[in-house]
Amino acid sequence: MKFQISSTLVIIRKSTLDDLHSIQELYQTVARISGGIARKEHEISEAYIHNFLSKSLANGCSMVAEEEGKVIAEVHTYSFGIECFTHLFGDTTICVHPEYQGIGLGRKVFSALLEYVMTERRDILRVELHARESNPKAIELYQKLGFQIEGRALGRVLDPDGSIVADVPMGWLNPNFSRDTV
């Protein structure tokens, strides 16, 4: 998928292991912003990125958005590898470079991931994620994409300001799910 942001072309595509260091740089940049993502910059190691990227490429999906060869957004999800959960993807995470937040890029890259699930992974009924209650913009984005709030896990997340907030579990159901593909 290609589209314009100001005067440059942005490409959304599936990730590869070759994107590892670019994704790590993106996550570290976003982690520097208080509340940007759950992990802090020192927690964004090569091993952390390799772990979720490998799982996503093996049985899930990871998409990146790039502008002039620079990764500016990434979203991933994958199977837990447990038989009773073969119909779902979890550990879903999105990361958008601070300079590209608020312009619809997160929605576009996340939509590309969900489109992949609808067309290529009809064996997946459910995609799930967690959002901090203190991040209403993220919750609003996920709801616009079709995710439903499924409760509140009180006292689960320590926010950067030291407050303890609820985690909001959310789920999206694949309208093209087929049991015949499971």
N, C-alpha and C. Protein backbone atom coordinates (compact mmCIF):
# COMPACT_ATOMS: atom_id res chain seq x y z
N MET A 1 0.84 -1.17 0.00
CA MET A 1 0.00 0.00 0.00
C MET A 1 0.90 1.24 0.00
N LYS A 2 0.57 2.21 -0.83
CA LYS A 2 1.32 3.46 -0.92
C LYS A 2 0.37 4.63 -0.78
N PHE A 3 0.84 5.70 -0.13
CA PHE A 3 0.06 6.93 -0.02
C PHE A 3 1.00 8.09 0.27
N GLN A 4 0.50 9.29 0.08
CA GLN A 4 1.30 10.50 0.27
C GLN A 4 1.13 11.07 1.68
N ILE A 5 2.20 11.51 2.27
CA ILE A 5 2.19 12.37 3.45
C ILE A 5 2.99 13.60 3.04
N SER A 6 2.35 14.74 3.05
CA SER A 6 2.92 15.98 2.51
C SER A 6 3.49 15.70 1.13
N SER A 7 4.77 15.83 0.95
CA SER A 7 5.33 15.67 -0.40
C SER A 7 6.04 14.34 -0.61
N THR A 8 6.01 13.46 0.38
CA THR A 8 6.73 12.20 0.25
C THR A 8 5.78 11.01 0.22
N LEU A 9 6.27 9.92 -0.32
CA LEU A 9 5.50 8.69 -0.46
C LEU A 9 5.77 7.78 0.73
N VAL A 10 4.71 7.25 1.33
CA VAL A 10 4.82 6.29 2.43
C VAL A 10 4.37 4.93 1.90
N ILE A 11 5.16 3.91 2.21
CA ILE A 11 4.86 2.55 1.79
C ILE A 11 4.57 1.72 3.03
N ILE A 12 3.46 0.98 3.00
CA ILE A 12 3.15 0.03 4.06
C ILE A 12 3.34 -1.36 3.47
N ARG A 13 4.12 -2.18 4.17
CA ARG A 13 4.44 -3.52 3.69
C ARG A 13 4.66 -4.45 4.87
N LYS A 14 4.70 -5.73 4.57
CA LYS A 14 5.04 -6.71 5.61
C LYS A 14 6.50 -6.51 6.02
N SER A 15 6.76 -6.71 7.29
CA SER A 15 8.11 -6.62 7.82
C SER A 15 8.92 -7.85 7.44
N THR A 16 10.23 -7.72 7.55
CA THR A 16 11.15 -8.84 7.41
C THR A 16 12.16 -8.75 8.55
N LEU A 17 12.94 -9.79 8.75
CA LEU A 17 13.99 -9.73 9.77
C LEU A 17 15.02 -8.65 9.46
N ASP A 18 15.14 -8.27 8.20
CA ASP A 18 16.06 -7.18 7.84
C ASP A 18 15.63 -5.84 8.44
N ASP A 19 14.38 -5.73 8.87
CA ASP A 19 13.87 -4.49 9.47
C ASP A 19 14.18 -4.39 10.95
N LEU A 20 14.78 -5.42 11.53
CA LEU A 20 14.97 -5.48 12.98
C LEU A 20 15.57 -4.20 13.56
N HIS A 21 16.69 -3.75 13.06
CA HIS A 21 17.36 -2.59 13.65
C HIS A 21 16.58 -1.29 13.42
N SER A 22 15.91 -1.17 12.30
CA SER A 22 15.08 0.00 12.04
C SER A 22 13.88 0.03 12.99
N ILE A 23 13.30 -1.13 13.25
CA ILE A 23 12.18 -1.22 14.19
C ILE A 23 12.67 -0.91 15.60
N GLN A 24 13.84 -1.42 15.95
CA GLN A 24 14.41 -1.13 17.27
C GLN A 24 14.63 0.37 17.44
N GLU A 25 15.15 1.02 16.45
CA GLU A 25 15.37 2.47 16.51
C GLU A 25 14.03 3.21 16.68
N LEU A 26 13.01 2.78 15.94
CA LEU A 26 11.69 3.39 16.06
C LEU A 26 11.16 3.23 17.48
N TYR A 27 11.19 2.02 18.02
CA TYR A 27 10.67 1.77 19.36
C TYR A 27 11.45 2.57 20.41
N GLN A 28 12.75 2.67 20.27
CA GLN A 28 13.54 3.45 21.23
C GLN A 28 13.17 4.93 21.17
N THR A 29 12.94 5.44 19.96
CA THR A 29 12.54 6.83 19.80
C THR A 29 11.20 7.08 20.48
N VAL A 30 10.24 6.21 20.25
CA VAL A 30 8.91 6.38 20.84
C VAL A 30 8.97 6.19 22.35
N ALA A 31 9.80 5.29 22.83
CA ALA A 31 9.91 5.03 24.27
C ALA A 31 10.45 6.24 25.04
N ARG A 32 11.14 7.13 24.36
CA ARG A 32 11.66 8.34 25.02
C ARG A 32 10.55 9.30 25.42
N ILE A 33 9.38 9.14 24.83
CA ILE A 33 8.24 10.01 25.12
C ILE A 33 7.44 9.37 26.25
N SER A 34 7.18 10.12 27.28
CA SER A 34 6.41 9.61 28.40
C SER A 34 5.03 9.16 27.93
N GLY A 35 4.71 7.89 28.16
CA GLY A 35 3.41 7.36 27.76
C GLY A 35 3.34 6.93 26.30
N GLY A 36 4.43 7.04 25.55
CA GLY A 36 4.42 6.67 24.13
C GLY A 36 4.12 5.20 23.90
N ILE A 37 4.85 4.33 24.58
CA ILE A 37 4.59 2.89 24.58
C ILE A 37 4.87 2.40 25.99
N ALA A 38 4.48 1.19 26.29
CA ALA A 38 4.61 0.68 27.66
C ALA A 38 6.07 0.53 28.08
N ARG A 39 6.92 0.08 27.19
CA ARG A 39 8.31 -0.16 27.56
C ARG A 39 9.10 1.15 27.58
N LYS A 40 10.10 1.16 28.44
CA LYS A 40 11.02 2.31 28.50
C LYS A 40 12.18 2.03 27.54
N GLU A 41 12.90 3.09 27.20
CA GLU A 41 13.95 2.97 26.18
C GLU A 41 14.94 1.86 26.50
N HIS A 42 15.38 1.74 27.75
CA HIS A 42 16.38 0.71 28.08
C HIS A 42 15.83 -0.71 27.96
N GLU A 43 14.50 -0.85 27.85
CA GLU A 43 13.89 -2.18 27.69
C GLU A 43 13.77 -2.60 26.23
N ILE A 44 14.09 -1.70 25.31
CA ILE A 44 13.96 -1.98 23.88
C ILE A 44 15.30 -2.53 23.37
N SER A 45 15.53 -3.78 23.64
CA SER A 45 16.78 -4.43 23.23
C SER A 45 16.60 -5.10 21.87
N GLU A 46 17.70 -5.47 21.27
CA GLU A 46 17.64 -6.23 20.02
C GLU A 46 16.92 -7.56 20.26
N ALA A 47 17.15 -8.18 21.42
CA ALA A 47 16.51 -9.45 21.73
C ALA A 47 14.99 -9.28 21.82
N TYR A 48 14.53 -8.20 22.43
CA TYR A 48 13.09 -7.94 22.53
C TYR A 48 12.46 -7.82 21.14
N ILE A 49 13.08 -7.02 20.27
CA ILE A 49 12.55 -6.83 18.92
C ILE A 49 12.60 -8.14 18.15
N HIS A 50 13.73 -8.85 18.24
CA HIS A 50 13.88 -10.12 17.53
C HIS A 50 12.81 -11.12 17.98
N ASN A 51 12.50 -11.14 19.27
CA ASN A 51 11.51 -12.07 19.81
C ASN A 51 10.14 -11.83 19.16
N PHE A 52 9.62 -10.60 19.23
CA PHE A 52 8.28 -10.39 18.69
C PHE A 52 8.27 -10.42 17.17
N LEU A 53 9.34 -9.98 16.53
CA LEU A 53 9.39 -10.01 15.08
C LEU A 53 9.42 -11.45 14.57
N SER A 54 10.23 -12.28 15.19
CA SER A 54 10.30 -13.70 14.79
C SER A 54 8.96 -14.40 14.97
N LYS A 55 8.30 -14.16 16.10
CA LYS A 55 6.98 -14.78 16.34
C LYS A 55 5.96 -14.27 15.32
N SER A 56 6.00 -12.98 15.04
CA SER A 56 5.05 -12.40 14.09
C SER A 56 5.27 -12.94 12.68
N LEU A 57 6.52 -13.10 12.29
CA LEU A 57 6.81 -13.60 10.95
C LEU A 57 6.50 -15.10 10.84
N ALA A 58 6.67 -15.85 11.94
CA ALA A 58 6.43 -17.29 11.91
C ALA A 58 4.94 -17.62 11.91
N ASN A 59 4.16 -16.94 12.74
CA ASN A 59 2.73 -17.23 12.79
C ASN A 59 1.96 -16.02 13.30
N GLY A 60 1.92 -15.02 12.46
CA GLY A 60 1.22 -13.79 12.79
C GLY A 60 1.45 -12.81 11.66
N CYS A 61 1.66 -11.57 12.04
CA CYS A 61 1.92 -10.55 11.03
C CYS A 61 2.61 -9.35 11.67
N SER A 62 3.52 -8.77 10.94
CA SER A 62 4.14 -7.51 11.31
C SER A 62 4.16 -6.66 10.05
N MET A 63 3.68 -5.42 10.18
CA MET A 63 3.66 -4.48 9.07
C MET A 63 4.46 -3.25 9.47
N VAL A 64 5.19 -2.69 8.50
CA VAL A 64 5.88 -1.42 8.72
C VAL A 64 5.40 -0.40 7.71
N ALA A 65 5.48 0.85 8.11
CA ALA A 65 5.30 1.97 7.20
C ALA A 65 6.66 2.62 7.09
N GLU A 66 7.07 2.90 5.86
CA GLU A 66 8.37 3.55 5.68
C GLU A 66 8.25 4.71 4.73
N GLU A 67 9.06 5.71 5.01
CA GLU A 67 9.15 6.90 4.18
C GLU A 67 10.62 7.08 3.82
N GLU A 68 10.89 7.10 2.54
CA GLU A 68 12.26 7.24 2.04
C GLU A 68 13.20 6.23 2.72
N GLY A 69 12.71 4.98 2.87
CA GLY A 69 13.52 3.91 3.44
C GLY A 69 13.60 3.89 4.95
N LYS A 70 12.99 4.85 5.64
CA LYS A 70 13.03 4.92 7.10
C LYS A 70 11.71 4.39 7.67
N VAL A 71 11.81 3.42 8.60
CA VAL A 71 10.62 2.87 9.24
C VAL A 71 10.05 3.93 10.19
N ILE A 72 8.78 4.30 9.95
CA ILE A 72 8.14 5.34 10.75
C ILE A 72 6.96 4.81 11.56
N ALA A 73 6.59 3.56 11.33
CA ALA A 73 5.53 2.91 12.12
C ALA A 73 5.66 1.41 11.97
N GLU A 74 5.20 0.69 13.00
CA GLU A 74 5.20 -0.77 12.97
C GLU A 74 4.04 -1.25 13.82
N VAL A 75 3.39 -2.33 13.37
CA VAL A 75 2.35 -3.00 14.14
C VAL A 75 2.57 -4.50 13.98
N HIS A 76 2.37 -5.24 15.07
CA HIS A 76 2.54 -6.69 14.99
C HIS A 76 1.55 -7.41 15.89
N THR A 77 1.34 -8.67 15.58
CA THR A 77 0.52 -9.57 16.37
C THR A 77 0.91 -10.99 16.00
N TYR A 78 0.65 -11.94 16.89
CA TYR A 78 1.01 -13.32 16.59
C TYR A 78 0.25 -14.31 17.46
N SER A 79 0.32 -15.57 17.06
CA SER A 79 -0.30 -16.67 17.79
C SER A 79 0.52 -17.00 19.02
N PHE A 80 -0.16 -17.42 20.07
CA PHE A 80 0.53 -17.80 21.30
C PHE A 80 1.17 -19.18 21.21
N GLY A 81 0.80 -19.96 20.19
CA GLY A 81 1.38 -21.28 20.03
C GLY A 81 0.77 -22.33 20.94
N ILE A 82 -0.42 -22.05 21.44
CA ILE A 82 -1.14 -22.98 22.31
C ILE A 82 -2.38 -23.43 21.54
N GLU A 83 -2.62 -24.72 21.47
CA GLU A 83 -3.67 -25.26 20.61
C GLU A 83 -5.05 -24.63 20.85
N CYS A 84 -5.42 -24.40 22.10
CA CYS A 84 -6.76 -23.87 22.37
C CYS A 84 -6.89 -22.40 21.94
N PHE A 85 -5.77 -21.76 21.60
CA PHE A 85 -5.79 -20.38 21.14
C PHE A 85 -5.37 -20.24 19.67
N THR A 86 -5.46 -21.31 18.90
CA THR A 86 -5.00 -21.23 17.51
C THR A 86 -5.84 -20.27 16.67
N HIS A 87 -7.00 -19.91 17.15
CA HIS A 87 -7.90 -19.02 16.40
C HIS A 87 -7.69 -17.54 16.75
N LEU A 88 -6.65 -17.23 17.53
CA LEU A 88 -6.47 -15.83 17.89
C LEU A 88 -5.02 -15.37 17.80
N PHE A 89 -4.89 -14.07 17.59
CA PHE A 89 -3.60 -13.38 17.64
C PHE A 89 -3.62 -12.45 18.84
N GLY A 90 -2.48 -12.34 19.50
CA GLY A 90 -2.37 -11.46 20.66
C GLY A 90 -1.03 -10.77 20.70
N ASP A 91 -0.75 -10.16 21.84
CA ASP A 91 0.45 -9.34 22.03
C ASP A 91 0.53 -8.27 20.94
N THR A 92 -0.62 -7.79 20.52
CA THR A 92 -0.72 -6.82 19.44
C THR A 92 -0.19 -5.47 19.92
N THR A 93 0.75 -4.91 19.17
CA THR A 93 1.39 -3.65 19.56
C THR A 93 1.58 -2.79 18.32
N ILE A 94 1.34 -1.50 18.49
CA ILE A 94 1.60 -0.53 17.42
C ILE A 94 2.54 0.54 17.95
N CYS A 95 3.40 1.01 17.07
CA CYS A 95 4.37 2.03 17.42
C CYS A 95 4.49 3.00 16.23
N VAL A 96 4.26 4.29 16.47
CA VAL A 96 4.32 5.30 15.42
C VAL A 96 5.31 6.39 15.85
N HIS A 97 6.22 6.73 14.96
CA HIS A 97 7.22 7.77 15.24
C HIS A 97 6.52 9.05 15.66
N PRO A 98 7.05 9.74 16.68
CA PRO A 98 6.40 10.96 17.18
C PRO A 98 6.10 12.02 16.12
N GLU A 99 6.95 12.15 15.12
CA GLU A 99 6.74 13.16 14.07
C GLU A 99 5.58 12.79 13.14
N TYR A 100 5.07 11.56 13.24
CA TYR A 100 4.02 11.09 12.34
C TYR A 100 2.74 10.74 13.09
N GLN A 101 2.69 11.05 14.38
CA GLN A 101 1.49 10.77 15.16
C GLN A 101 0.44 11.84 14.89
N GLY A 102 -0.82 11.42 14.95
CA GLY A 102 -1.93 12.36 14.81
C GLY A 102 -2.31 12.70 13.38
N ILE A 103 -1.74 11.99 12.40
CA ILE A 103 -2.06 12.29 10.99
C ILE A 103 -2.71 11.10 10.28
N GLY A 104 -3.08 10.08 11.04
CA GLY A 104 -3.76 8.92 10.46
C GLY A 104 -2.86 7.77 10.06
N LEU A 105 -1.56 7.90 10.29
CA LEU A 105 -0.64 6.82 9.90
C LEU A 105 -0.89 5.56 10.72
N GLY A 106 -1.09 5.70 12.01
CA GLY A 106 -1.35 4.53 12.86
C GLY A 106 -2.58 3.77 12.38
N ARG A 107 -3.61 4.51 12.02
CA ARG A 107 -4.84 3.88 11.53
C ARG A 107 -4.57 3.13 10.22
N LYS A 108 -3.78 3.73 9.33
CA LYS A 108 -3.50 3.09 8.04
C LYS A 108 -2.69 1.80 8.22
N VAL A 109 -1.65 1.83 9.02
CA VAL A 109 -0.80 0.65 9.18
C VAL A 109 -1.56 -0.45 9.94
N PHE A 110 -2.37 -0.06 10.94
CA PHE A 110 -3.17 -1.04 11.67
C PHE A 110 -4.24 -1.63 10.76
N SER A 111 -4.85 -0.80 9.93
CA SER A 111 -5.85 -1.30 8.97
C SER A 111 -5.24 -2.31 8.01
N ALA A 112 -3.99 -2.07 7.61
CA ALA A 112 -3.30 -3.01 6.72
C ALA A 112 -3.12 -4.37 7.40
N LEU A 113 -2.80 -4.35 8.69
CA LEU A 113 -2.66 -5.61 9.43
C LEU A 113 -4.00 -6.33 9.50
N LEU A 114 -5.07 -5.61 9.82
CA LEU A 114 -6.39 -6.25 9.93
C LEU A 114 -6.87 -6.74 8.56
N GLU A 115 -6.55 -6.01 7.51
CA GLU A 115 -6.89 -6.46 6.15
C GLU A 115 -6.16 -7.77 5.83
N TYR A 116 -4.91 -7.87 6.23
CA TYR A 116 -4.16 -9.12 6.05
C TYR A 116 -4.86 -10.28 6.77
N VAL A 117 -5.29 -10.04 8.01
CA VAL A 117 -5.98 -11.09 8.76
C VAL A 117 -7.27 -11.49 8.03
N MET A 118 -8.02 -10.50 7.55
CA MET A 118 -9.29 -10.80 6.87
C MET A 118 -9.11 -11.57 5.57
N THR A 119 -8.04 -11.29 4.85
CA THR A 119 -7.87 -11.92 3.54
C THR A 119 -6.95 -13.13 3.54
N GLU A 120 -5.89 -13.08 4.33
CA GLU A 120 -4.89 -14.14 4.30
C GLU A 120 -4.96 -15.10 5.49
N ARG A 121 -5.59 -14.67 6.56
CA ARG A 121 -5.63 -15.50 7.78
C ARG A 121 -7.07 -15.68 8.25
N ARG A 122 -7.86 -16.28 7.38
CA ARG A 122 -9.26 -16.53 7.71
C ARG A 122 -9.40 -17.53 8.85
N ASP A 123 -8.30 -18.21 9.21
CA ASP A 123 -8.29 -19.12 10.35
C ASP A 123 -8.23 -18.37 11.69
N ILE A 124 -8.02 -17.08 11.64
CA ILE A 124 -7.94 -16.26 12.86
C ILE A 124 -9.28 -15.56 13.08
N LEU A 125 -9.92 -15.88 14.18
CA LEU A 125 -11.20 -15.25 14.53
C LEU A 125 -10.97 -13.93 15.26
N ARG A 126 -9.95 -13.87 16.09
CA ARG A 126 -9.83 -12.79 17.05
C ARG A 126 -8.42 -12.21 17.09
N VAL A 127 -8.36 -10.88 17.18
CA VAL A 127 -7.12 -10.17 17.45
C VAL A 127 -7.36 -9.40 18.75
N GLU A 128 -6.44 -9.58 19.70
CA GLU A 128 -6.64 -8.90 20.97
C GLU A 128 -5.43 -8.06 21.36
N LEU A 129 -5.72 -7.03 22.17
CA LEU A 129 -4.68 -6.13 22.64
C LEU A 129 -5.08 -5.56 23.99
N HIS A 130 -4.16 -4.85 24.59
CA HIS A 130 -4.40 -4.15 25.85
C HIS A 130 -3.97 -2.71 25.67
N ALA A 131 -4.78 -1.80 26.20
CA ALA A 131 -4.45 -0.37 26.16
C ALA A 131 -4.54 0.19 27.58
N ARG A 132 -3.61 1.07 27.89
CA ARG A 132 -3.68 1.73 29.21
C ARG A 132 -4.88 2.65 29.25
N GLU A 133 -5.61 2.61 30.32
CA GLU A 133 -6.76 3.49 30.49
C GLU A 133 -6.36 4.96 30.40
N SER A 134 -5.11 5.26 30.72
CA SER A 134 -4.62 6.64 30.67
C SER A 134 -4.25 7.08 29.25
N ASN A 135 -4.49 6.23 28.26
CA ASN A 135 -4.19 6.57 26.86
C ASN A 135 -5.48 6.55 26.04
N PRO A 136 -6.35 7.55 26.26
CA PRO A 136 -7.65 7.54 25.57
C PRO A 136 -7.54 7.66 24.05
N LYS A 137 -6.49 8.29 23.54
CA LYS A 137 -6.32 8.38 22.08
C LYS A 137 -6.13 7.00 21.47
N ALA A 138 -5.36 6.15 22.15
CA ALA A 138 -5.15 4.79 21.65
C ALA A 138 -6.46 4.01 21.69
N ILE A 139 -7.18 4.11 22.79
CA ILE A 139 -8.45 3.39 22.92
C ILE A 139 -9.41 3.85 21.83
N GLU A 140 -9.46 5.15 21.57
CA GLU A 140 -10.34 5.68 20.53
C GLU A 140 -9.94 5.13 19.15
N LEU A 141 -8.64 5.10 18.86
CA LEU A 141 -8.17 4.54 17.58
C LEU A 141 -8.61 3.09 17.44
N TYR A 142 -8.38 2.30 18.47
CA TYR A 142 -8.73 0.88 18.40
C TYR A 142 -10.23 0.69 18.20
N GLN A 143 -11.04 1.51 18.87
CA GLN A 143 -12.49 1.42 18.69
C GLN A 143 -12.89 1.78 17.26
N LYS A 144 -12.25 2.78 16.67
CA LYS A 144 -12.55 3.16 15.29
C LYS A 144 -12.19 2.03 14.32
N LEU A 145 -11.21 1.21 14.70
CA LEU A 145 -10.81 0.06 13.88
C LEU A 145 -11.71 -1.15 14.08
N GLY A 146 -12.63 -1.07 15.04
CA GLY A 146 -13.56 -2.16 15.28
C GLY A 146 -13.30 -2.97 16.54
N PHE A 147 -12.31 -2.60 17.34
CA PHE A 147 -12.05 -3.29 18.59
C PHE A 147 -13.11 -2.90 19.61
N GLN A 148 -13.48 -3.87 20.44
CA GLN A 148 -14.47 -3.65 21.51
C GLN A 148 -13.76 -3.70 22.86
N ILE A 149 -14.14 -2.81 23.75
CA ILE A 149 -13.63 -2.85 25.12
C ILE A 149 -14.27 -4.04 25.81
N GLU A 150 -13.44 -4.84 26.49
CA GLU A 150 -13.93 -6.07 27.11
C GLU A 150 -13.75 -6.08 28.62
N GLY A 151 -13.49 -4.92 29.20
CA GLY A 151 -13.35 -4.86 30.65
C GLY A 151 -12.25 -3.91 31.07
N ARG A 152 -11.88 -4.02 32.33
CA ARG A 152 -10.81 -3.20 32.91
C ARG A 152 -10.06 -4.06 33.91
N ALA A 153 -8.78 -4.13 33.79
CA ALA A 153 -7.94 -4.83 34.76
C ALA A 153 -7.38 -3.76 35.70
N LEU A 154 -8.04 -3.60 36.84
CA LEU A 154 -7.69 -2.53 37.77
C LEU A 154 -6.29 -2.73 38.35
N GLY A 155 -5.57 -1.62 38.49
CA GLY A 155 -4.27 -1.64 39.15
C GLY A 155 -3.20 -2.42 38.42
N ARG A 156 -3.30 -2.57 37.11
CA ARG A 156 -2.38 -3.44 36.37
C ARG A 156 -1.16 -2.71 35.83
N VAL A 157 -1.27 -1.41 35.49
CA VAL A 157 -0.18 -0.72 34.79
C VAL A 157 0.37 0.43 35.64
N LEU A 158 1.68 0.47 35.76
CA LEU A 158 2.36 1.59 36.39
C LEU A 158 2.71 2.59 35.29
N ASP A 159 2.01 3.73 35.29
CA ASP A 159 2.25 4.75 34.27
C ASP A 159 3.58 5.47 34.55
N PRO A 160 4.13 6.13 33.52
CA PRO A 160 5.40 6.84 33.70
C PRO A 160 5.38 7.89 34.82
N ASP A 161 4.20 8.47 35.10
CA ASP A 161 4.13 9.48 36.15
C ASP A 161 4.01 8.87 37.55
N GLY A 162 4.04 7.54 37.63
CA GLY A 162 3.98 6.85 38.92
C GLY A 162 2.59 6.41 39.33
N SER A 163 1.56 6.85 38.62
CA SER A 163 0.21 6.42 38.96
C SER A 163 -0.03 5.00 38.46
N ILE A 164 -0.91 4.32 39.14
CA ILE A 164 -1.27 2.95 38.75
C ILE A 164 -2.66 3.02 38.13
N VAL A 165 -2.76 2.53 36.89
CA VAL A 165 -4.00 2.65 36.13
C VAL A 165 -4.49 1.29 35.66
N ALA A 166 -5.72 1.28 35.20
CA ALA A 166 -6.31 0.05 34.67
C ALA A 166 -5.78 -0.22 33.26
N ASP A 167 -5.71 -1.49 32.96
CA ASP A 167 -5.40 -1.96 31.62
C ASP A 167 -6.75 -2.30 30.98
N VAL A 168 -6.94 -1.93 29.73
CA VAL A 168 -8.21 -2.13 29.06
C VAL A 168 -8.05 -3.21 27.99
N PRO A 169 -8.54 -4.43 28.26
CA PRO A 169 -8.47 -5.47 27.23
C PRO A 169 -9.49 -5.18 26.14
N MET A 170 -9.06 -5.36 24.88
CA MET A 170 -9.91 -5.08 23.73
C MET A 170 -9.77 -6.21 22.73
N GLY A 171 -10.85 -6.48 21.99
CA GLY A 171 -10.82 -7.54 21.00
C GLY A 171 -11.50 -7.13 19.71
N TRP A 172 -11.01 -7.67 18.61
CA TRP A 172 -11.56 -7.45 17.27
C TRP A 172 -11.85 -8.83 16.69
N LEU A 173 -13.03 -9.00 16.09
CA LEU A 173 -13.40 -10.27 15.48
C LEU A 173 -13.35 -10.18 13.96
N ASN A 174 -12.71 -11.15 13.37
CA ASN A 174 -12.53 -11.21 11.92
C ASN A 174 -13.86 -11.57 11.25
N PRO A 175 -14.43 -10.66 10.46
CA PRO A 175 -15.70 -10.97 9.80
C PRO A 175 -15.58 -12.07 8.75
N ASN A 176 -14.36 -12.41 8.33
CA ASN A 176 -14.15 -13.43 7.31
C ASN A 176 -13.65 -14.75 7.89
N PHE A 177 -13.74 -14.90 9.22
CA PHE A 177 -13.29 -16.13 9.86
C PHE A 177 -14.03 -17.34 9.27
N SER A 178 -13.29 -18.40 9.07
CA SER A 178 -13.87 -19.65 8.57
C SER A 178 -13.30 -20.82 9.36
N ARG A 179 -14.16 -21.59 9.99
CA ARG A 179 -13.73 -22.79 10.72
C ARG A 179 -13.07 -23.80 9.78
N ASP A 180 -13.42 -23.74 8.52
CA ASP A 180 -12.85 -24.68 7.54
C ASP A 180 -11.37 -24.48 7.36
N THR A 181 -10.84 -23.32 7.75
CA THR A 181 -9.43 -23.05 7.57
C THR A 181 -8.62 -23.32 8.83
N VAL A 182 -9.30 -23.66 9.93
CA VAL A 182 -8.61 -23.90 11.22
C VAL A 182 -7.98 -25.26 11.20
